[in-house]
């Protein structure tokens, strides 16, 4: 750990500092759905309107599988809210606000399954599916079914921006007029699913181990999470269920990046070599992706390209 978690109180960052990890959240939302799939309560091939009738009928099935792979064509919530005049770090955005603006869409960007286009809306809708099917908030469901079994005691879905979080690392952004040339940069939205996971480097190590042990979800869910989607063209995407599937120096990688206000994060696994790196930062220029690769390369220096 390096740097300061809170400049006002002079608190340093530790491996147990709690960070907001942006879109790294998506794999946790996907796993929550996987648990319901395991129980036969939800199907990846079901139309989202089965669970969330507020989604318009676009004249073609829009499945949970389309949403989780970013091939749905549904328009991104942040783009829509931005065009509607919402102000980041000033206006509180709720799950209901995203449902409302989604319900008023008259068309998709393209037919589902035709191409890949990253859309946060899909994962907000998946969170709503979990909540309606389970009867619990995503925060409650994940705590009970995922975080407690894995010993991730400092991890939660942050669905209340006013909630007090012990050991939180505050995020900052440049400000020439501010003390130290900085200002606070904290998201204030209450939307979960696409983002809003709070966790620590220590807890992410426990999550990483689950990819090997399958204690939560089991082998079936973990296999599904790392499957690519085959587009109508026959091409495969490089995105699984909340996980980016790629390679570095010929070595297979699985992971995701994250960005919210002043927070930046990277979770990167080299599953065939048994090496994983989590980098959590509270400043936008920190570049955790590059830092994660530098750490990984120190361990993988002698690994041969496939």
Protein backbone atom coordinates (compact mmCIF):
# COMPACT_ATOMS: atom_id res chain seq x y z
CA UNK A 1 0.00 0.00 0.00
CA UNK A 2 1.16 3.51 -0.85
CA UNK A 3 -0.27 7.01 -0.46
CA UNK A 4 -3.05 8.59 1.51
CA UNK A 5 -6.60 7.34 2.03
CA UNK A 6 -7.72 10.65 3.56
CA UNK A 7 -5.84 13.92 3.31
CA UNK A 8 -8.03 15.77 5.81
CA UNK A 9 -7.15 13.37 8.61
CA UNK A 10 -3.76 12.17 7.41
CA UNK A 11 -4.81 8.52 7.10
CA UNK A 12 -2.59 6.30 4.92
CA UNK A 13 -3.80 3.62 2.53
CA UNK A 14 -3.49 0.01 3.74
CA UNK A 15 -4.44 -3.35 2.16
CA UNK A 16 -7.67 -3.05 4.16
CA UNK A 17 -8.64 0.42 2.84
CA UNK A 18 -12.06 0.32 1.17
CA UNK A 19 -12.22 1.58 -2.42
CA UNK A 20 -15.04 1.99 -4.89
CA UNK A 21 -14.02 -0.20 -7.84
CA UNK A 22 -16.30 0.95 -10.66
CA UNK A 23 -17.01 -1.65 -13.33
CA UNK A 24 -15.08 -4.41 -11.58
CA UNK A 25 -18.52 -4.61 -9.93
CA UNK A 26 -20.01 -6.23 -13.03
CA UNK A 27 -18.55 -9.70 -12.41
CA UNK A 28 -20.12 -9.71 -8.93
CA UNK A 29 -23.53 -8.80 -10.35
CA UNK A 30 -23.13 -11.55 -12.95
CA UNK A 31 -22.31 -14.06 -10.21
CA UNK A 32 -25.43 -13.02 -8.29
CA UNK A 33 -27.49 -13.91 -11.37
CA UNK A 34 -25.52 -17.14 -11.77
CA UNK A 35 -26.57 -18.22 -8.29
CA UNK A 36 -30.22 -17.80 -9.27
CA UNK A 37 -29.57 -19.67 -12.53
CA UNK A 38 -28.10 -22.55 -10.49
CA UNK A 39 -31.36 -22.69 -8.55
CA UNK A 40 -33.53 -22.66 -11.67
CA UNK A 41 -35.12 -19.34 -10.69
CA UNK A 42 -33.70 -17.38 -13.62
CA UNK A 43 -32.60 -18.25 -17.16
CA UNK A 44 -29.92 -16.43 -19.14
CA UNK A 45 -32.09 -16.95 -22.23
CA UNK A 46 -35.22 -15.40 -20.72
CA UNK A 47 -36.45 -12.04 -21.99
CA UNK A 48 -35.58 -9.32 -19.48
CA UNK A 49 -39.22 -8.17 -19.64
CA UNK A 50 -40.14 -11.40 -17.83
CA UNK A 51 -38.62 -9.86 -14.71
CA UNK A 52 -38.52 -6.13 -15.54
CA UNK A 53 -41.65 -5.24 -17.54
CA UNK A 54 -40.66 -1.57 -17.48
CA UNK A 55 -38.24 -2.33 -20.32
CA UNK A 56 -40.03 -1.47 -23.59
CA UNK A 57 -41.00 -4.13 -26.08
CA UNK A 58 -38.57 -3.48 -28.92
CA UNK A 59 -40.15 -6.13 -31.14
CA UNK A 60 -37.37 -8.67 -30.58
CA UNK A 61 -36.35 -10.74 -27.54
CA UNK A 62 -33.85 -8.98 -25.28
CA UNK A 63 -32.38 -11.67 -23.06
CA UNK A 64 -30.32 -11.60 -19.89
CA UNK A 65 -27.54 -13.21 -21.94
CA UNK A 66 -27.59 -10.23 -24.31
CA UNK A 67 -27.34 -7.85 -21.35
CA UNK A 68 -24.45 -9.58 -19.57
CA UNK A 69 -22.34 -9.76 -22.75
CA UNK A 70 -23.00 -6.12 -23.83
CA UNK A 71 -24.60 -7.22 -27.08
CA UNK A 72 -28.15 -6.06 -26.30
CA UNK A 73 -28.10 -2.78 -28.20
CA UNK A 74 -29.74 -1.09 -25.21
CA UNK A 75 -28.56 2.49 -24.75
CA UNK A 76 -26.14 3.33 -21.97
CA UNK A 77 -27.65 4.88 -18.85
CA UNK A 78 -24.86 7.40 -18.32
CA UNK A 79 -25.11 8.68 -21.89
CA UNK A 80 -28.88 9.01 -21.57
CA UNK A 81 -28.72 10.76 -18.20
CA UNK A 82 -25.99 13.09 -19.46
CA UNK A 83 -28.09 14.09 -22.46
CA UNK A 84 -31.02 14.66 -20.10
CA UNK A 85 -28.96 17.20 -18.14
CA UNK A 86 -28.01 15.21 -15.04
CA UNK A 87 -24.85 16.50 -13.32
CA UNK A 88 -22.23 14.04 -12.08
CA UNK A 89 -21.25 14.40 -8.41
CA UNK A 90 -24.15 16.85 -8.01
CA UNK A 91 -27.42 15.01 -8.74
CA UNK A 92 -28.23 11.75 -6.95
CA UNK A 93 -29.11 9.02 -9.48
CA UNK A 94 -31.19 6.08 -8.25
CA UNK A 95 -32.10 2.68 -9.67
CA UNK A 96 -35.57 4.08 -10.31
CA UNK A 97 -34.16 6.93 -12.38
CA UNK A 98 -32.34 4.47 -14.65
CA UNK A 99 -35.50 2.37 -15.03
CA UNK A 100 -37.50 5.49 -15.85
CA UNK A 101 -35.17 6.74 -18.58
CA UNK A 102 -34.82 3.22 -20.00
CA UNK A 103 -38.60 2.77 -20.11
CA UNK A 104 -38.90 5.82 -22.37
CA UNK A 105 -36.54 4.54 -25.07
CA UNK A 106 -38.19 3.86 -28.41
CA UNK A 107 -35.45 1.85 -30.11
CA UNK A 108 -32.21 -0.10 -29.61
CA UNK A 109 -28.85 0.88 -31.06
CA UNK A 110 -28.89 -2.37 -33.09
CA UNK A 111 -30.66 -5.76 -33.06
CA UNK A 112 -29.62 -7.86 -30.03
CA UNK A 113 -26.67 -10.14 -30.75
CA UNK A 114 -25.55 -8.22 -33.83
CA UNK A 115 -22.52 -6.51 -32.30
CA UNK A 116 -20.76 -5.64 -29.05
CA UNK A 117 -21.33 -2.22 -27.48
CA UNK A 118 -20.57 -1.65 -23.80
CA UNK A 119 -23.73 -0.63 -21.95
CA UNK A 120 -23.97 -0.09 -18.20
CA UNK A 121 -27.76 -0.20 -18.42
CA UNK A 122 -27.68 -3.95 -18.95
CA UNK A 123 -26.02 -4.59 -15.60
CA UNK A 124 -28.35 -2.21 -13.76
CA UNK A 125 -31.20 -4.26 -15.19
CA UNK A 126 -29.51 -7.49 -14.07
CA UNK A 127 -29.35 -6.07 -10.55
CA UNK A 128 -33.07 -5.36 -10.70
CA UNK A 129 -33.67 -8.96 -11.82
CA UNK A 130 -31.76 -10.27 -8.78
CA UNK A 131 -33.73 -8.02 -6.45
CA UNK A 132 -37.15 -8.94 -7.84
CA UNK A 133 -36.52 -12.67 -8.03
CA UNK A 134 -34.80 -12.99 -4.65
CA UNK A 135 -36.90 -10.48 -2.73
CA UNK A 136 -33.72 -8.92 -1.36
CA UNK A 137 -31.71 -5.87 -2.34
CA UNK A 138 -28.56 -6.71 -4.27
CA UNK A 139 -26.58 -5.54 -1.24
CA UNK A 140 -28.44 -8.01 1.02
CA UNK A 141 -28.32 -10.88 -1.47
CA UNK A 142 -24.60 -10.54 -2.22
CA UNK A 143 -23.73 -10.14 1.46
CA UNK A 144 -25.56 -13.34 2.42
CA UNK A 145 -24.81 -15.52 -0.58
CA UNK A 146 -21.37 -14.32 -1.72
CA UNK A 147 -19.40 -12.14 0.66
CA UNK A 148 -20.05 -13.91 3.97
CA UNK A 149 -19.21 -17.38 2.56
CA UNK A 150 -15.95 -16.03 1.10
CA UNK A 151 -14.98 -14.03 4.19
CA UNK A 152 -15.15 -10.73 2.28
CA UNK A 153 -16.04 -8.79 5.40
CA UNK A 154 -15.21 -5.32 4.04
CA UNK A 155 -17.12 -5.68 0.73
CA UNK A 156 -20.63 -4.45 -0.08
CA UNK A 157 -22.82 -3.05 -2.83
CA UNK A 158 -23.12 0.64 -1.99
CA UNK A 159 -26.79 1.49 -2.62
CA UNK A 160 -26.95 4.52 -0.30
CA UNK A 161 -24.48 7.33 -0.99
CA UNK A 162 -24.99 8.68 2.56
CA UNK A 163 -24.00 5.39 4.18
CA UNK A 164 -20.97 5.52 6.50
CA UNK A 165 -18.18 3.15 5.43
CA UNK A 166 -15.40 2.26 7.84
CA UNK A 167 -11.87 2.56 6.44
CA UNK A 168 -13.04 4.19 3.21
CA UNK A 169 -10.35 5.68 0.98
CA UNK A 170 -11.53 9.10 -0.20
CA UNK A 171 -11.01 9.86 -3.89
CA UNK A 172 -9.45 13.06 -5.23
CA UNK A 173 -9.10 14.93 -8.52
CA UNK A 174 -6.85 17.82 -9.64
CA UNK A 175 -7.87 21.31 -8.57
CA UNK A 176 -5.29 24.13 -8.89
CA UNK A 177 -7.21 26.19 -6.32
CA UNK A 178 -7.52 23.43 -3.72
CA UNK A 179 -5.26 22.38 -0.85
CA UNK A 180 -2.44 20.23 -2.26
CA UNK A 181 -3.85 21.15 -5.70
CA UNK A 182 -6.67 18.66 -5.18
CA UNK A 183 -10.38 18.39 -4.49
CA UNK A 184 -12.59 15.51 -3.35
CA UNK A 185 -14.11 13.46 -6.18
CA UNK A 186 -16.80 11.11 -4.85
CA UNK A 187 -19.76 9.58 -6.76
CA UNK A 188 -23.13 10.27 -5.17
CA UNK A 189 -25.37 7.89 -7.11
CA UNK A 190 -27.30 5.02 -5.57
CA UNK A 191 -27.29 2.78 -8.66
CA UNK A 192 -25.90 -0.74 -8.23
CA UNK A 193 -25.16 -3.54 -10.67
CA UNK A 194 -22.99 -1.81 -13.26
CA UNK A 195 -20.91 -0.22 -10.52
CA UNK A 196 -20.95 0.74 -6.81
CA UNK A 197 -19.08 -2.20 -5.30
CA UNK A 198 -16.94 -1.21 -2.31
CA UNK A 199 -14.08 -3.60 -1.52
CA UNK A 200 -10.43 -3.95 -0.51
CA UNK A 201 -7.31 -5.51 -2.00
CA UNK A 202 -7.46 -8.06 0.81
CA UNK A 203 -11.04 -9.05 -0.03
CA UNK A 204 -10.31 -9.25 -3.75
CA UNK A 205 -7.71 -11.91 -2.92
CA UNK A 206 -10.55 -13.98 -1.45
CA UNK A 207 -12.65 -13.38 -4.57
CA UNK A 208 -9.70 -14.45 -6.72
CA UNK A 209 -9.43 -17.74 -4.81
CA UNK A 210 -13.07 -18.47 -5.60
CA UNK A 211 -12.19 -18.77 -9.29
CA UNK A 212 -10.15 -21.82 -8.25
CA UNK A 213 -12.26 -23.30 -5.46
CA UNK A 214 -15.74 -22.51 -6.82
CA UNK A 215 -17.05 -22.24 -3.28
CA UNK A 216 -19.57 -19.64 -4.45
CA UNK A 217 -21.30 -20.54 -7.70
CA UNK A 218 -19.52 -23.82 -8.37
CA UNK A 219 -17.70 -24.91 -11.53
CA UNK A 220 -20.74 -24.40 -13.77
CA UNK A 221 -21.18 -20.72 -12.95
CA UNK A 222 -17.46 -20.03 -13.19
CA UNK A 223 -17.31 -21.71 -16.59
CA UNK A 224 -20.30 -19.74 -17.88
CA UNK A 225 -18.79 -16.48 -16.65
CA UNK A 226 -15.76 -17.02 -18.88
CA UNK A 227 -17.62 -17.97 -22.06
CA UNK A 228 -17.53 -15.64 -25.04
CA UNK A 229 -20.64 -14.59 -26.96
CA UNK A 230 -20.93 -15.54 -30.62
CA UNK A 231 -22.41 -12.66 -32.62
CA UNK A 232 -24.86 -13.12 -35.49
CA UNK A 233 -21.87 -12.61 -37.84
CA UNK A 234 -20.16 -15.65 -36.32
CA UNK A 235 -17.45 -13.58 -34.64
CA UNK A 236 -16.83 -14.00 -30.92
CA UNK A 237 -16.66 -11.14 -28.43
CA UNK A 238 -13.85 -10.71 -25.91
CA UNK A 239 -16.31 -10.29 -23.03
CA UNK A 240 -17.81 -12.95 -20.76
CA UNK A 241 -20.18 -12.43 -17.85
CA UNK A 242 -18.76 -9.22 -16.40
CA UNK A 243 -15.23 -10.26 -17.34
CA UNK A 244 -12.91 -9.09 -20.08
CA UNK A 245 -11.23 -12.10 -21.73
CA UNK A 246 -7.90 -11.35 -23.35
CA UNK A 247 -4.17 -12.04 -23.49
CA UNK A 248 -0.89 -10.37 -22.58
CA UNK A 249 2.38 -11.52 -24.12
CA UNK A 250 0.53 -14.61 -25.32
CA UNK A 251 -0.70 -15.44 -21.80
CA UNK A 252 -4.44 -15.74 -21.20
CA UNK A 253 -5.96 -13.02 -19.02
CA UNK A 254 -9.31 -12.59 -17.28
CA UNK A 255 -10.29 -9.41 -15.49
CA UNK A 256 -11.85 -5.96 -15.59
CA UNK A 257 -11.03 -2.32 -15.05
CA UNK A 258 -13.09 0.21 -13.11
CA UNK A 259 -13.60 3.98 -13.01
CA UNK A 260 -15.93 6.14 -10.92
CA UNK A 261 -15.25 9.86 -10.28
CA UNK A 262 -11.73 9.94 -8.76
CA UNK A 263 -11.51 6.17 -8.27
CA UNK A 264 -9.58 3.90 -10.66
CA UNK A 265 -9.13 0.13 -10.32
CA UNK A 266 -7.90 -2.98 -12.10
CA UNK A 267 -8.42 -6.67 -11.33
CA UNK A 268 -6.30 -8.88 -13.58
CA UNK A 269 -5.88 -12.68 -13.51
CA UNK A 270 -3.41 -14.88 -15.37
CA UNK A 271 -5.29 -18.12 -14.60
CA UNK A 272 -2.90 -20.52 -16.32
CA UNK A 273 0.06 -19.16 -14.30
CA UNK A 274 -1.83 -18.74 -11.02
CA UNK A 275 -0.98 -15.04 -10.84
CA UNK A 276 -3.53 -12.31 -10.06
CA UNK A 277 -3.13 -8.59 -9.41
CA UNK A 278 -5.58 -6.09 -7.92
CA UNK A 279 -4.71 -2.38 -8.01
CA UNK A 280 -7.06 0.09 -6.29
CA UNK A 281 -6.44 3.84 -6.60
CA UNK A 282 -8.06 7.07 -5.46
CA UNK A 283 -6.71 9.46 -8.10
CA UNK A 284 -7.74 9.55 -11.80
CA UNK A 285 -4.20 9.70 -13.24
CA UNK A 286 -3.04 6.62 -11.31
CA UNK A 287 -3.34 4.25 -14.31
CA UNK A 288 -3.97 0.99 -12.41
CA UNK A 289 -4.02 -1.03 -15.64
CA UNK A 290 -0.39 -0.22 -16.41
CA UNK A 291 0.59 -0.75 -12.77
CA UNK A 292 -1.11 -4.15 -12.69
CA UNK A 293 0.82 -5.27 -15.77
CA UNK A 294 4.12 -4.10 -14.27
CA UNK A 295 3.46 -6.14 -11.13
CA UNK A 296 2.36 -9.17 -13.14
CA UNK A 297 5.42 -9.02 -15.38
CA UNK A 298 7.69 -9.10 -12.34
CA UNK A 299 6.18 -12.51 -11.54
CA UNK A 300 5.81 -13.72 -15.12
CA UNK A 301 9.24 -12.72 -16.41
CA UNK A 302 10.16 -16.29 -17.28
CA UNK A 303 6.72 -17.38 -18.56
CA UNK A 304 6.77 -18.40 -22.19
CA UNK A 305 4.29 -17.15 -24.72
CA UNK A 306 1.69 -19.69 -25.75
